[in-house]
Amino acid sequence: MDYIIKLAFVLLIFMYSWFFQVQNHEWDVDRELLKSANNMAVHDAAQQLDEAALAEGQLVIDQHEAEASFRETLKANLGLDDSLNPLAGSRLRSKVEIVDFEVIDEASGRAFPFLYEDSRFGITKYLQGPSVIAVIKTRHPVLLARSKLQDDIQVPAVQEYKPDE
């Protein structure tokens, strides 16, 4: 009987460790998916230039077009609906939130290069030219119910125009 109790205890520890490892793997996969989608979305957003300003020699990103392009790219790459909830067949299980979206360009009055810092999201970068910065997040996948909830998966992305040197 003593052997069976020890075996059951070892099996229980093994199963808990296995589920914990699977949950961590799910976090890694979801984070990588969010990071790639965010990188593509800020790239597309940075392409939305104001044609009138460009004709005058200024790189100005159209804020509204950039945001619309950003959302459309996120939706397409993550399988989301218009309110950024996962559609059937999407890898994600929870809603994606756009935590921060910022356009910094020549119309904002900034002289490039400059040091951009945002301690809320842990972003520190020398921006060489006009840029789009975005932070998105979603809930941590949960396979094991625990008393301590995991932090959300949050990923930043920065796309900048670099001057030709």
N, C-alpha and C. Protein backbone atom coordinates (compact mmCIF):
# COMPACT_ATOMS: atom_id res chain seq x y z
N MET A 1 0.81 -1.19 0.00
CA MET A 1 0.00 0.00 0.00
C MET A 1 0.86 1.26 0.00
N ASP A 2 1.96 1.20 0.77
CA ASP A 2 2.89 2.33 0.84
C ASP A 2 3.46 2.65 -0.54
N TYR A 3 3.76 1.60 -1.31
CA TYR A 3 4.30 1.76 -2.66
C TYR A 3 3.29 2.47 -3.57
N ILE A 4 2.03 2.11 -3.47
CA ILE A 4 0.99 2.70 -4.32
C ILE A 4 0.81 4.18 -4.00
N ILE A 5 0.85 4.55 -2.74
CA ILE A 5 0.72 5.96 -2.34
C ILE A 5 1.90 6.77 -2.88
N LYS A 6 3.10 6.25 -2.75
CA LYS A 6 4.28 6.95 -3.28
C LYS A 6 4.20 7.08 -4.80
N LEU A 7 3.77 6.02 -5.47
CA LEU A 7 3.64 6.05 -6.92
C LEU A 7 2.59 7.07 -7.36
N ALA A 8 1.47 7.12 -6.66
CA ALA A 8 0.43 8.10 -6.98
C ALA A 8 0.95 9.53 -6.76
N PHE A 9 1.71 9.75 -5.71
CA PHE A 9 2.28 11.07 -5.44
C PHE A 9 3.26 11.48 -6.54
N VAL A 10 4.12 10.57 -6.95
CA VAL A 10 5.08 10.84 -8.02
C VAL A 10 4.34 11.11 -9.33
N LEU A 11 3.30 10.33 -9.61
CA LEU A 11 2.50 10.53 -10.82
C LEU A 11 1.82 11.90 -10.79
N LEU A 12 1.31 12.30 -9.66
CA LEU A 12 0.67 13.61 -9.51
C LEU A 12 1.67 14.74 -9.76
N ILE A 13 2.84 14.63 -9.22
CA ILE A 13 3.88 15.65 -9.43
C ILE A 13 4.29 15.68 -10.91
N PHE A 14 4.43 14.50 -11.52
CA PHE A 14 4.78 14.44 -12.93
C PHE A 14 3.72 15.13 -13.79
N MET A 15 2.44 14.83 -13.53
CA MET A 15 1.35 15.41 -14.32
C MET A 15 1.30 16.94 -14.13
N TYR A 16 1.46 17.41 -12.91
CA TYR A 16 1.45 18.85 -12.67
C TYR A 16 2.61 19.52 -13.41
N SER A 17 3.79 18.92 -13.36
CA SER A 17 4.96 19.48 -14.06
C SER A 17 4.74 19.49 -15.56
N TRP A 18 4.14 18.45 -16.08
CA TRP A 18 3.88 18.35 -17.51
C TRP A 18 2.91 19.44 -17.95
N PHE A 19 1.80 19.63 -17.23
CA PHE A 19 0.84 20.68 -17.57
C PHE A 19 1.47 22.07 -17.44
N PHE A 20 2.30 22.25 -16.44
CA PHE A 20 2.98 23.53 -16.27
C PHE A 20 3.88 23.82 -17.47
N GLN A 21 4.60 22.80 -17.94
CA GLN A 21 5.47 22.96 -19.11
C GLN A 21 4.65 23.25 -20.36
N VAL A 22 3.52 22.58 -20.54
CA VAL A 22 2.66 22.83 -21.70
C VAL A 22 2.12 24.25 -21.66
N GLN A 23 1.72 24.72 -20.47
CA GLN A 23 1.22 26.09 -20.33
C GLN A 23 2.31 27.10 -20.69
N ASN A 24 3.53 26.87 -20.25
CA ASN A 24 4.64 27.77 -20.60
C ASN A 24 4.92 27.74 -22.09
N HIS A 25 4.81 26.59 -22.71
CA HIS A 25 5.00 26.49 -24.16
C HIS A 25 3.92 27.28 -24.89
N GLU A 26 2.67 27.17 -24.43
CA GLU A 26 1.57 27.94 -25.02
C GLU A 26 1.85 29.44 -24.92
N TRP A 27 2.39 29.88 -23.78
CA TRP A 27 2.73 31.30 -23.60
C TRP A 27 3.78 31.70 -24.64
N ASP A 28 4.81 30.89 -24.79
CA ASP A 28 5.87 31.20 -25.76
C ASP A 28 5.32 31.31 -27.18
N VAL A 29 4.48 30.36 -27.57
CA VAL A 29 3.92 30.36 -28.92
C VAL A 29 3.03 31.58 -29.14
N ASP A 30 2.15 31.86 -28.17
CA ASP A 30 1.26 33.02 -28.29
C ASP A 30 2.04 34.32 -28.32
N ARG A 31 3.09 34.44 -27.51
CA ARG A 31 3.89 35.66 -27.49
C ARG A 31 4.59 35.87 -28.83
N GLU A 32 5.15 34.82 -29.37
CA GLU A 32 5.83 34.92 -30.67
C GLU A 32 4.84 35.30 -31.77
N LEU A 33 3.64 34.74 -31.72
CA LEU A 33 2.60 35.08 -32.69
C LEU A 33 2.22 36.56 -32.57
N LEU A 34 2.01 37.03 -31.34
CA LEU A 34 1.68 38.44 -31.13
C LEU A 34 2.81 39.36 -31.58
N LYS A 35 4.04 38.99 -31.27
CA LYS A 35 5.19 39.83 -31.64
C LYS A 35 5.31 39.96 -33.16
N SER A 36 5.17 38.85 -33.86
CA SER A 36 5.26 38.89 -35.32
C SER A 36 4.13 39.71 -35.92
N ALA A 37 2.93 39.51 -35.43
CA ALA A 37 1.78 40.26 -35.94
C ALA A 37 1.92 41.75 -35.64
N ASN A 38 2.41 42.09 -34.45
CA ASN A 38 2.60 43.50 -34.09
C ASN A 38 3.67 44.14 -34.96
N ASN A 39 4.76 43.42 -35.23
CA ASN A 39 5.82 43.95 -36.10
C ASN A 39 5.28 44.24 -37.51
N MET A 40 4.49 43.30 -38.05
CA MET A 40 3.92 43.51 -39.38
C MET A 40 2.92 44.67 -39.38
N ALA A 41 2.15 44.79 -38.31
CA ALA A 41 1.13 45.83 -38.24
C ALA A 41 1.74 47.23 -38.14
N VAL A 42 2.81 47.39 -37.33
CA VAL A 42 3.43 48.72 -37.26
C VAL A 42 4.15 49.05 -38.56
N HIS A 43 4.66 48.03 -39.24
CA HIS A 43 5.29 48.26 -40.55
C HIS A 43 4.25 48.80 -41.53
N ASP A 44 3.09 48.16 -41.57
CA ASP A 44 2.04 48.62 -42.48
C ASP A 44 1.54 50.00 -42.09
N ALA A 45 1.44 50.27 -40.79
CA ALA A 45 0.98 51.58 -40.33
C ALA A 45 1.96 52.68 -40.72
N ALA A 46 3.25 52.38 -40.66
CA ALA A 46 4.26 53.38 -41.00
C ALA A 46 4.27 53.72 -42.49
N GLN A 47 3.65 52.90 -43.30
CA GLN A 47 3.59 53.15 -44.75
C GLN A 47 2.51 54.16 -45.13
N GLN A 48 1.68 54.54 -44.19
CA GLN A 48 0.55 55.44 -44.48
C GLN A 48 1.02 56.90 -44.39
N LEU A 49 1.71 57.35 -45.40
CA LEU A 49 2.29 58.70 -45.42
C LEU A 49 1.28 59.72 -45.94
N ASP A 50 1.39 60.92 -45.43
CA ASP A 50 0.59 62.04 -45.90
C ASP A 50 1.22 62.53 -47.20
N GLU A 51 0.51 62.34 -48.31
CA GLU A 51 1.05 62.65 -49.64
C GLU A 51 1.35 64.14 -49.80
N ALA A 52 0.51 65.02 -49.25
CA ALA A 52 0.73 66.46 -49.38
C ALA A 52 2.01 66.88 -48.67
N ALA A 53 2.24 66.34 -47.48
CA ALA A 53 3.47 66.67 -46.74
C ALA A 53 4.68 66.07 -47.44
N LEU A 54 4.51 64.89 -48.01
CA LEU A 54 5.62 64.24 -48.72
C LEU A 54 6.03 65.06 -49.94
N ALA A 55 5.06 65.67 -50.60
CA ALA A 55 5.35 66.53 -51.76
C ALA A 55 6.16 67.75 -51.34
N GLU A 56 6.05 68.15 -50.08
CA GLU A 56 6.81 69.28 -49.55
C GLU A 56 8.12 68.84 -48.91
N GLY A 57 8.43 67.55 -49.00
CA GLY A 57 9.70 67.06 -48.48
C GLY A 57 9.67 66.64 -47.02
N GLN A 58 8.49 66.47 -46.44
CA GLN A 58 8.40 66.05 -45.04
C GLN A 58 7.81 64.64 -44.96
N LEU A 59 8.37 63.84 -44.05
CA LEU A 59 7.82 62.52 -43.78
C LEU A 59 6.82 62.64 -42.64
N VAL A 60 5.55 62.66 -43.00
CA VAL A 60 4.47 62.76 -42.01
C VAL A 60 3.56 61.56 -42.21
N ILE A 61 3.31 60.83 -41.13
CA ILE A 61 2.46 59.65 -41.17
C ILE A 61 1.03 60.07 -40.83
N ASP A 62 0.09 59.69 -41.68
CA ASP A 62 -1.32 60.00 -41.45
C ASP A 62 -1.82 59.15 -40.28
N GLN A 63 -2.12 59.80 -39.16
CA GLN A 63 -2.50 59.12 -37.91
C GLN A 63 -3.70 58.19 -38.10
N HIS A 64 -4.76 58.69 -38.72
CA HIS A 64 -5.98 57.89 -38.86
C HIS A 64 -5.79 56.71 -39.80
N GLU A 65 -5.11 56.96 -40.93
CA GLU A 65 -4.84 55.87 -41.87
C GLU A 65 -3.91 54.83 -41.24
N ALA A 66 -2.94 55.31 -40.46
CA ALA A 66 -1.99 54.40 -39.81
C ALA A 66 -2.72 53.50 -38.81
N GLU A 67 -3.60 54.07 -38.00
CA GLU A 67 -4.35 53.27 -37.03
C GLU A 67 -5.25 52.25 -37.73
N ALA A 68 -5.92 52.67 -38.79
CA ALA A 68 -6.79 51.76 -39.53
C ALA A 68 -5.99 50.61 -40.15
N SER A 69 -4.85 50.94 -40.74
CA SER A 69 -4.00 49.92 -41.34
C SER A 69 -3.46 48.97 -40.27
N PHE A 70 -3.09 49.53 -39.12
CA PHE A 70 -2.58 48.72 -38.00
C PHE A 70 -3.63 47.69 -37.56
N ARG A 71 -4.86 48.14 -37.35
CA ARG A 71 -5.94 47.24 -36.91
C ARG A 71 -6.23 46.18 -37.97
N GLU A 72 -6.27 46.56 -39.24
CA GLU A 72 -6.56 45.60 -40.30
C GLU A 72 -5.48 44.53 -40.39
N THR A 73 -4.23 44.92 -40.25
CA THR A 73 -3.13 43.94 -40.31
C THR A 73 -3.18 43.01 -39.11
N LEU A 74 -3.47 43.56 -37.93
CA LEU A 74 -3.62 42.70 -36.75
C LEU A 74 -4.74 41.69 -36.95
N LYS A 75 -5.87 42.17 -37.42
CA LYS A 75 -7.02 41.29 -37.63
C LYS A 75 -6.68 40.19 -38.62
N ALA A 76 -6.02 40.52 -39.71
CA ALA A 76 -5.71 39.54 -40.74
C ALA A 76 -4.68 38.50 -40.25
N ASN A 77 -3.69 38.94 -39.51
CA ASN A 77 -2.62 38.03 -39.11
C ASN A 77 -2.93 37.22 -37.86
N LEU A 78 -3.86 37.67 -37.04
CA LEU A 78 -4.19 36.94 -35.82
C LEU A 78 -5.55 36.25 -35.87
N GLY A 79 -6.30 36.47 -36.95
CA GLY A 79 -7.62 35.86 -37.05
C GLY A 79 -8.60 36.46 -36.06
N LEU A 80 -8.76 37.79 -36.15
CA LEU A 80 -9.61 38.51 -35.20
C LEU A 80 -10.80 39.14 -35.92
N ASP A 81 -11.86 39.41 -35.16
CA ASP A 81 -13.00 40.14 -35.72
C ASP A 81 -12.78 41.64 -35.54
N ASP A 82 -13.80 42.44 -35.85
CA ASP A 82 -13.65 43.90 -35.78
C ASP A 82 -13.39 44.42 -34.37
N SER A 83 -13.85 43.71 -33.34
CA SER A 83 -13.60 44.16 -31.97
C SER A 83 -12.37 43.47 -31.38
N LEU A 84 -11.56 42.84 -32.23
CA LEU A 84 -10.30 42.17 -31.88
C LEU A 84 -10.49 40.95 -30.99
N ASN A 85 -11.64 40.30 -31.11
CA ASN A 85 -11.86 39.00 -30.46
C ASN A 85 -11.48 37.91 -31.45
N PRO A 86 -10.94 36.79 -30.96
CA PRO A 86 -10.54 35.72 -31.88
C PRO A 86 -11.73 35.10 -32.61
N LEU A 87 -11.54 34.87 -33.90
CA LEU A 87 -12.54 34.16 -34.69
C LEU A 87 -12.34 32.66 -34.52
N ALA A 88 -13.30 31.87 -34.96
CA ALA A 88 -13.16 30.42 -34.92
C ALA A 88 -11.94 30.03 -35.75
N GLY A 89 -11.11 29.19 -35.21
CA GLY A 89 -9.91 28.76 -35.91
C GLY A 89 -8.68 29.59 -35.59
N SER A 90 -8.83 30.67 -34.85
CA SER A 90 -7.68 31.49 -34.46
C SER A 90 -6.87 30.77 -33.40
N ARG A 91 -5.59 30.98 -33.39
CA ARG A 91 -4.70 30.38 -32.39
C ARG A 91 -4.93 30.98 -31.01
N LEU A 92 -5.38 32.22 -30.97
CA LEU A 92 -5.60 32.91 -29.70
C LEU A 92 -6.95 32.52 -29.10
N ARG A 93 -7.04 32.66 -27.78
CA ARG A 93 -8.28 32.34 -27.08
C ARG A 93 -8.92 33.56 -26.44
N SER A 94 -8.17 34.65 -26.31
CA SER A 94 -8.66 35.84 -25.63
C SER A 94 -8.56 37.06 -26.53
N LYS A 95 -9.30 38.08 -26.19
CA LYS A 95 -9.31 39.33 -26.94
C LYS A 95 -7.92 39.97 -26.93
N VAL A 96 -7.56 40.58 -28.05
CA VAL A 96 -6.32 41.34 -28.15
C VAL A 96 -6.66 42.80 -27.90
N GLU A 97 -5.87 43.45 -27.05
CA GLU A 97 -6.09 44.86 -26.75
C GLU A 97 -4.92 45.68 -27.29
N ILE A 98 -5.24 46.81 -27.88
CA ILE A 98 -4.20 47.76 -28.29
C ILE A 98 -4.00 48.68 -27.10
N VAL A 99 -2.90 48.49 -26.40
CA VAL A 99 -2.63 49.23 -25.17
C VAL A 99 -2.11 50.63 -25.49
N ASP A 100 -1.26 50.74 -26.51
CA ASP A 100 -0.68 52.03 -26.87
C ASP A 100 -0.42 52.05 -28.37
N PHE A 101 -0.71 53.17 -28.99
CA PHE A 101 -0.40 53.37 -30.41
C PHE A 101 0.02 54.82 -30.55
N GLU A 102 1.23 55.02 -31.04
CA GLU A 102 1.78 56.37 -31.11
C GLU A 102 2.51 56.57 -32.43
N VAL A 103 2.27 57.73 -33.04
CA VAL A 103 2.97 58.12 -34.25
C VAL A 103 3.85 59.31 -33.90
N ILE A 104 5.14 59.18 -34.18
CA ILE A 104 6.08 60.28 -33.97
C ILE A 104 6.71 60.59 -35.32
N ASP A 105 6.44 61.78 -35.83
CA ASP A 105 6.96 62.14 -37.14
C ASP A 105 7.40 63.60 -37.15
N GLU A 106 7.73 64.09 -38.32
CA GLU A 106 8.24 65.46 -38.44
C GLU A 106 7.19 66.50 -38.08
N ALA A 107 5.91 66.17 -38.20
CA ALA A 107 4.84 67.11 -37.84
C ALA A 107 4.70 67.24 -36.32
N SER A 108 5.25 66.30 -35.56
CA SER A 108 5.13 66.36 -34.10
C SER A 108 6.12 67.33 -33.47
N GLY A 109 7.01 67.90 -34.30
CA GLY A 109 7.97 68.88 -33.79
C GLY A 109 9.22 68.28 -33.17
N ARG A 110 9.40 67.00 -33.29
CA ARG A 110 10.59 66.35 -32.74
C ARG A 110 11.74 66.44 -33.73
N ALA A 111 12.93 66.64 -33.22
CA ALA A 111 14.13 66.62 -34.05
C ALA A 111 14.76 65.23 -33.92
N PHE A 112 15.03 64.62 -35.05
CA PHE A 112 15.60 63.28 -35.06
C PHE A 112 17.10 63.37 -35.22
N PRO A 113 17.87 62.46 -34.68
CA PRO A 113 17.48 61.36 -33.80
C PRO A 113 17.23 61.86 -32.37
N PHE A 114 16.42 61.11 -31.65
CA PHE A 114 16.21 61.40 -30.24
C PHE A 114 15.92 60.10 -29.50
N LEU A 115 16.10 60.15 -28.19
CA LEU A 115 15.89 58.97 -27.36
C LEU A 115 14.43 58.91 -26.93
N TYR A 116 13.75 57.86 -27.36
CA TYR A 116 12.36 57.64 -26.96
C TYR A 116 12.36 56.69 -25.78
N GLU A 117 11.70 57.09 -24.71
CA GLU A 117 11.61 56.24 -23.53
C GLU A 117 10.16 56.19 -23.06
N ASP A 118 9.70 54.99 -22.75
CA ASP A 118 8.39 54.81 -22.16
C ASP A 118 8.53 53.71 -21.11
N SER A 119 8.64 54.12 -19.86
CA SER A 119 8.88 53.17 -18.78
C SER A 119 7.67 52.27 -18.50
N ARG A 120 6.48 52.70 -18.92
CA ARG A 120 5.29 51.86 -18.71
C ARG A 120 5.42 50.53 -19.43
N PHE A 121 6.05 50.54 -20.60
CA PHE A 121 6.12 49.34 -21.43
C PHE A 121 7.55 48.85 -21.62
N GLY A 122 8.51 49.49 -20.98
CA GLY A 122 9.90 49.05 -21.09
C GLY A 122 10.51 49.31 -22.45
N ILE A 123 10.15 50.41 -23.09
CA ILE A 123 10.70 50.73 -24.40
C ILE A 123 11.70 51.86 -24.26
N THR A 124 12.90 51.64 -24.73
CA THR A 124 13.93 52.66 -24.81
C THR A 124 14.65 52.45 -26.14
N LYS A 125 14.59 53.47 -27.00
CA LYS A 125 15.17 53.31 -28.34
C LYS A 125 15.52 54.68 -28.91
N TYR A 126 16.67 54.76 -29.56
CA TYR A 126 17.01 55.96 -30.32
C TYR A 126 16.26 55.89 -31.64
N LEU A 127 15.38 56.83 -31.86
CA LEU A 127 14.63 56.89 -33.10
C LEU A 127 15.38 57.76 -34.09
N GLN A 128 15.67 57.20 -35.26
CA GLN A 128 16.43 57.91 -36.28
C GLN A 128 15.54 58.74 -37.19
N GLY A 129 14.25 58.43 -37.21
CA GLY A 129 13.34 59.14 -38.08
C GLY A 129 11.90 58.88 -37.66
N PRO A 130 10.94 59.32 -38.46
CA PRO A 130 9.53 59.13 -38.13
C PRO A 130 9.24 57.66 -37.80
N SER A 131 8.40 57.46 -36.79
CA SER A 131 8.18 56.11 -36.28
C SER A 131 6.74 55.87 -35.86
N VAL A 132 6.38 54.60 -35.85
CA VAL A 132 5.11 54.14 -35.28
C VAL A 132 5.48 53.17 -34.16
N ILE A 133 4.88 53.40 -32.99
CA ILE A 133 5.15 52.57 -31.82
C ILE A 133 3.81 52.03 -31.34
N ALA A 134 3.74 50.72 -31.10
CA ALA A 134 2.50 50.11 -30.64
C ALA A 134 2.79 49.03 -29.62
N VAL A 135 1.86 48.89 -28.68
CA VAL A 135 1.93 47.83 -27.68
C VAL A 135 0.57 47.14 -27.68
N ILE A 136 0.60 45.80 -27.81
CA ILE A 136 -0.64 45.03 -27.75
C ILE A 136 -0.51 43.98 -26.65
N LYS A 137 -1.66 43.49 -26.18
CA LYS A 137 -1.62 42.45 -25.16
C LYS A 137 -2.84 41.55 -25.28
N THR A 138 -2.70 40.37 -24.69
CA THR A 138 -3.80 39.42 -24.56
C THR A 138 -3.58 38.63 -23.28
N ARG A 139 -4.58 37.88 -22.89
CA ARG A 139 -4.50 37.12 -21.64
C ARG A 139 -3.56 35.93 -21.79
N HIS A 140 -2.91 35.58 -20.69
CA HIS A 140 -2.04 34.42 -20.62
C HIS A 140 -2.89 33.15 -20.73
N PRO A 141 -2.48 32.18 -21.57
CA PRO A 141 -3.26 30.94 -21.65
C PRO A 141 -3.18 30.19 -20.31
N VAL A 142 -4.31 29.67 -19.86
CA VAL A 142 -4.36 28.99 -18.56
C VAL A 142 -4.80 27.54 -18.77
N LEU A 143 -3.93 26.62 -18.39
CA LEU A 143 -4.27 25.20 -18.40
C LEU A 143 -4.42 24.68 -16.98
N LEU A 144 -3.71 25.30 -16.04
CA LEU A 144 -3.77 24.92 -14.64
C LEU A 144 -4.34 26.08 -13.84
N ALA A 145 -5.42 25.84 -13.16
CA ALA A 145 -5.99 26.88 -12.30
C ALA A 145 -5.12 27.00 -11.06
N ARG A 146 -4.62 28.21 -10.83
CA ARG A 146 -3.78 28.45 -9.66
C ARG A 146 -4.29 29.69 -8.96
N SER A 147 -3.86 29.87 -7.73
CA SER A 147 -4.31 31.05 -6.98
C SER A 147 -3.69 32.32 -7.53
N LYS A 148 -2.48 32.24 -8.08
CA LYS A 148 -1.83 33.41 -8.66
C LYS A 148 -2.07 33.43 -10.17
N LEU A 149 -2.71 34.48 -10.65
CA LEU A 149 -2.93 34.62 -12.08
C LEU A 149 -1.67 35.09 -12.77
N GLN A 150 -1.46 34.59 -13.96
CA GLN A 150 -0.30 35.00 -14.75
C GLN A 150 -0.54 36.38 -15.35
N ASP A 151 0.54 37.13 -15.53
CA ASP A 151 0.44 38.43 -16.18
C ASP A 151 0.05 38.24 -17.64
N ASP A 152 -0.58 39.27 -18.20
CA ASP A 152 -0.95 39.23 -19.61
C ASP A 152 0.30 39.18 -20.48
N ILE A 153 0.15 38.64 -21.68
CA ILE A 153 1.22 38.67 -22.67
C ILE A 153 1.16 40.05 -23.33
N GLN A 154 2.22 40.81 -23.20
CA GLN A 154 2.25 42.18 -23.74
C GLN A 154 3.51 42.35 -24.58
N VAL A 155 3.33 42.81 -25.82
CA VAL A 155 4.48 42.96 -26.71
C VAL A 155 4.50 44.34 -27.35
N PRO A 156 5.67 44.99 -27.35
CA PRO A 156 5.83 46.27 -28.05
C PRO A 156 6.43 46.05 -29.43
N ALA A 157 6.25 47.05 -30.29
CA ALA A 157 6.89 47.03 -31.60
C ALA A 157 7.14 48.48 -32.03
N VAL A 158 8.27 48.69 -32.71
CA VAL A 158 8.64 50.02 -33.20
C VAL A 158 9.06 49.86 -34.65
N GLN A 159 8.48 50.70 -35.51
CA GLN A 159 8.89 50.77 -36.92
C GLN A 159 9.31 52.19 -37.20
N GLU A 160 10.51 52.37 -37.72
CA GLU A 160 11.01 53.71 -37.96
C GLU A 160 11.58 53.85 -39.37
N TYR A 161 11.55 55.07 -39.87
CA TYR A 161 12.23 55.41 -41.11
C TYR A 161 13.64 55.85 -40.72
N LYS A 162 14.63 55.23 -41.34
CA LYS A 162 16.01 55.63 -41.07
C LYS A 162 16.51 56.43 -42.27
N PRO A 163 17.19 57.55 -42.01
CA PRO A 163 17.70 58.35 -43.13
C PRO A 163 18.82 57.62 -43.87
N ASP A 164 18.89 57.87 -45.16
CA ASP A 164 19.99 57.30 -45.95
C ASP A 164 21.28 58.03 -45.58
N GLU A 165 22.28 57.24 -45.27
CA GLU A 165 23.56 57.86 -44.90
C GLU A 165 24.64 57.49 -45.86
